[in-house]
Amino acid sequence: MLTKFPMFKKHLNEAGKSYFEHFKFALIAGFILMYAGITSIIHALIPSLFPFTSQRIVKKLLDQSMNNEKK
């Protein structure tokens, strides 16, 4: 299936992941980032709620992504 879409295979090779590993990471990261976005909006309205939550979430995802890239 992926041979019909060389751009997919190129990205998966660059990421060092199989299709399903990439799918799982991207899907989970997407939901986590939506949560970070919602907490950030709430924080914008009420600064005492969720201080630094979105910052911690994004940093953790970036660290995970960078660690996976090094493997």
N, C-alpha and C. Protein backbone atom coordinates (compact mmCIF):
# COMPACT_ATOMS: atom_id res chain seq x y z
N MET A 1 0.82 -1.19 0.00
CA MET A 1 0.00 0.00 0.00
C MET A 1 0.86 1.26 0.00
N LEU A 2 1.89 1.30 0.86
CA LEU A 2 2.71 2.50 0.97
C LEU A 2 3.56 2.74 -0.27
N THR A 3 3.77 1.69 -1.08
CA THR A 3 4.58 1.88 -2.28
C THR A 3 3.88 2.80 -3.28
N LYS A 4 2.55 2.92 -3.19
CA LYS A 4 1.82 3.82 -4.07
C LYS A 4 2.00 5.28 -3.65
N PHE A 5 2.45 5.50 -2.44
CA PHE A 5 2.61 6.85 -1.90
C PHE A 5 4.03 7.03 -1.35
N PRO A 6 5.00 7.28 -2.23
CA PRO A 6 6.39 7.36 -1.77
C PRO A 6 6.63 8.46 -0.73
N MET A 7 5.81 9.51 -0.74
CA MET A 7 5.99 10.58 0.25
C MET A 7 5.72 10.06 1.66
N PHE A 8 4.80 9.10 1.82
CA PHE A 8 4.53 8.51 3.12
C PHE A 8 5.74 7.73 3.60
N LYS A 9 6.27 6.90 2.72
CA LYS A 9 7.40 6.06 3.07
C LYS A 9 8.62 6.91 3.43
N LYS A 10 8.82 8.01 2.71
CA LYS A 10 9.96 8.89 2.98
C LYS A 10 9.85 9.45 4.40
N HIS A 11 8.68 9.94 4.75
CA HIS A 11 8.50 10.52 6.08
C HIS A 11 8.66 9.46 7.17
N LEU A 12 8.11 8.28 6.96
CA LEU A 12 8.24 7.21 7.94
C LEU A 12 9.70 6.82 8.13
N ASN A 13 10.45 6.77 7.05
CA ASN A 13 11.88 6.47 7.14
C ASN A 13 12.62 7.56 7.91
N GLU A 14 12.28 8.83 7.62
CA GLU A 14 12.91 9.95 8.33
C GLU A 14 12.57 9.91 9.82
N ALA A 15 11.35 9.50 10.14
CA ALA A 15 10.91 9.43 11.55
C ALA A 15 11.41 8.16 12.22
N GLY A 16 11.85 7.19 11.43
CA GLY A 16 12.34 5.93 12.00
C GLY A 16 11.23 5.10 12.62
N LYS A 17 10.03 5.19 12.04
CA LYS A 17 8.88 4.47 12.59
C LYS A 17 8.18 3.68 11.50
N SER A 18 7.50 2.62 11.96
CA SER A 18 6.61 1.92 11.04
C SER A 18 5.34 2.74 10.92
N TYR A 19 4.48 2.35 10.00
CA TYR A 19 3.23 3.09 9.82
C TYR A 19 2.43 3.11 11.12
N PHE A 20 2.30 1.95 11.77
CA PHE A 20 1.47 1.87 12.98
C PHE A 20 2.12 2.56 14.18
N GLU A 21 3.45 2.54 14.28
CA GLU A 21 4.11 3.29 15.34
C GLU A 21 3.86 4.79 15.16
N HIS A 22 4.00 5.24 13.93
CA HIS A 22 3.76 6.64 13.61
C HIS A 22 2.31 7.01 13.85
N PHE A 23 1.39 6.16 13.41
CA PHE A 23 -0.04 6.40 13.60
C PHE A 23 -0.37 6.56 15.07
N LYS A 24 0.13 5.64 15.89
CA LYS A 24 -0.14 5.68 17.33
C LYS A 24 0.40 6.96 17.95
N PHE A 25 1.66 7.30 17.66
CA PHE A 25 2.26 8.50 18.23
C PHE A 25 1.51 9.75 17.78
N ALA A 26 1.24 9.87 16.49
CA ALA A 26 0.59 11.07 15.95
C ALA A 26 -0.84 11.21 16.48
N LEU A 27 -1.56 10.11 16.59
CA LEU A 27 -2.93 10.17 17.09
C LEU A 27 -2.96 10.61 18.55
N ILE A 28 -2.13 9.98 19.37
CA ILE A 28 -2.07 10.34 20.78
C ILE A 28 -1.59 11.77 20.95
N ALA A 29 -0.55 12.15 20.22
CA ALA A 29 -0.03 13.52 20.30
C ALA A 29 -1.10 14.52 19.89
N GLY A 30 -1.88 14.21 18.89
CA GLY A 30 -2.95 15.11 18.45
C GLY A 30 -3.98 15.36 19.54
N PHE A 31 -4.40 14.29 20.22
CA PHE A 31 -5.36 14.45 21.31
C PHE A 31 -4.75 15.21 22.49
N ILE A 32 -3.50 14.91 22.80
CA ILE A 32 -2.83 15.61 23.89
C ILE A 32 -2.69 17.09 23.57
N LEU A 33 -2.36 17.40 22.32
CA LEU A 33 -2.23 18.80 21.92
C LEU A 33 -3.57 19.53 21.92
N MET A 34 -4.65 18.81 21.61
CA MET A 34 -5.98 19.44 21.73
C MET A 34 -6.26 19.79 23.19
N TYR A 35 -5.91 18.88 24.09
CA TYR A 35 -6.07 19.14 25.52
C TYR A 35 -5.23 20.36 25.93
N ALA A 36 -3.99 20.40 25.44
CA ALA A 36 -3.12 21.54 25.75
C ALA A 36 -3.73 22.84 25.23
N GLY A 37 -4.32 22.80 24.06
CA GLY A 37 -4.96 23.98 23.50
C GLY A 37 -6.15 24.45 24.33
N ILE A 38 -6.96 23.50 24.76
CA ILE A 38 -8.12 23.85 25.58
C ILE A 38 -7.68 24.44 26.92
N THR A 39 -6.68 23.81 27.56
CA THR A 39 -6.21 24.35 28.83
C THR A 39 -5.57 25.72 28.65
N SER A 40 -4.95 25.94 27.51
CA SER A 40 -4.34 27.25 27.24
C SER A 40 -5.41 28.33 27.08
N ILE A 41 -6.51 28.00 26.42
CA ILE A 41 -7.61 28.96 26.26
C ILE A 41 -8.22 29.28 27.62
N ILE A 42 -8.43 28.24 28.43
CA ILE A 42 -8.98 28.47 29.78
C ILE A 42 -8.01 29.33 30.59
N HIS A 43 -6.72 29.03 30.47
CA HIS A 43 -5.70 29.80 31.19
C HIS A 43 -5.70 31.26 30.74
N ALA A 44 -5.93 31.49 29.47
CA ALA A 44 -5.98 32.88 28.97
C ALA A 44 -7.12 33.65 29.64
N LEU A 45 -8.23 32.98 29.87
CA LEU A 45 -9.38 33.63 30.49
C LEU A 45 -9.22 33.76 32.01
N ILE A 46 -8.68 32.71 32.63
CA ILE A 46 -8.50 32.67 34.09
C ILE A 46 -7.06 32.24 34.36
N PRO A 47 -6.14 33.19 34.46
CA PRO A 47 -4.71 32.86 34.56
C PRO A 47 -4.33 31.93 35.72
N SER A 48 -5.12 31.87 36.77
CA SER A 48 -4.75 30.99 37.89
C SER A 48 -5.04 29.52 37.60
N LEU A 49 -5.78 29.24 36.55
CA LEU A 49 -6.06 27.85 36.17
C LEU A 49 -5.05 27.37 35.12
N PHE A 50 -4.58 26.18 35.30
CA PHE A 50 -3.66 25.50 34.37
C PHE A 50 -2.38 26.29 34.07
N PRO A 51 -1.73 26.85 35.11
CA PRO A 51 -0.49 27.58 34.83
C PRO A 51 0.59 26.63 34.29
N PHE A 52 1.19 26.98 33.19
CA PHE A 52 2.28 26.24 32.55
C PHE A 52 1.89 24.85 32.05
N THR A 53 0.62 24.50 32.07
CA THR A 53 0.19 23.17 31.64
C THR A 53 0.52 22.93 30.17
N SER A 54 0.10 23.83 29.30
CA SER A 54 0.36 23.62 27.87
C SER A 54 1.85 23.64 27.57
N GLN A 55 2.60 24.47 28.28
CA GLN A 55 4.05 24.52 28.09
C GLN A 55 4.69 23.17 28.45
N ARG A 56 4.29 22.59 29.58
CA ARG A 56 4.83 21.29 29.99
C ARG A 56 4.45 20.19 29.00
N ILE A 57 3.21 20.23 28.52
CA ILE A 57 2.75 19.21 27.58
C ILE A 57 3.55 19.27 26.28
N VAL A 58 3.70 20.46 25.74
CA VAL A 58 4.43 20.61 24.47
C VAL A 58 5.89 20.21 24.65
N LYS A 59 6.51 20.61 25.76
CA LYS A 59 7.91 20.25 26.00
C LYS A 59 8.05 18.72 26.10
N LYS A 60 7.13 18.07 26.81
CA LYS A 60 7.20 16.60 26.96
C LYS A 60 7.07 15.91 25.61
N LEU A 61 6.11 16.37 24.79
CA LEU A 61 5.94 15.76 23.46
C LEU A 61 7.18 15.99 22.58
N LEU A 62 7.74 17.18 22.66
CA LEU A 62 8.93 17.48 21.88
C LEU A 62 10.10 16.61 22.34
N ASP A 63 10.26 16.47 23.66
CA ASP A 63 11.33 15.61 24.18
C ASP A 63 11.14 14.17 23.71
N GLN A 64 9.91 13.66 23.76
CA GLN A 64 9.64 12.29 23.31
C GLN A 64 9.97 12.15 21.84
N SER A 65 9.58 13.13 21.07
CA SER A 65 9.83 13.09 19.62
C SER A 65 11.33 13.12 19.33
N MET A 66 12.04 13.96 20.03
CA MET A 66 13.51 14.06 19.82
C MET A 66 14.21 12.77 20.27
N ASN A 67 13.76 12.18 21.37
CA ASN A 67 14.35 10.92 21.83
C ASN A 67 14.11 9.81 20.83
N ASN A 68 12.93 9.76 20.25
CA ASN A 68 12.62 8.74 19.23
C ASN A 68 13.45 8.96 17.98
N GLU A 69 13.72 10.21 17.66
CA GLU A 69 14.50 10.54 16.47
C GLU A 69 15.94 10.05 16.61
N LYS A 70 16.48 10.07 17.84
CA LYS A 70 17.87 9.68 18.08
C LYS A 70 18.07 8.19 17.98
N LYS A 71 17.02 7.40 18.09
CA LYS A 71 17.13 5.93 18.07
C LYS A 71 17.42 5.41 16.69
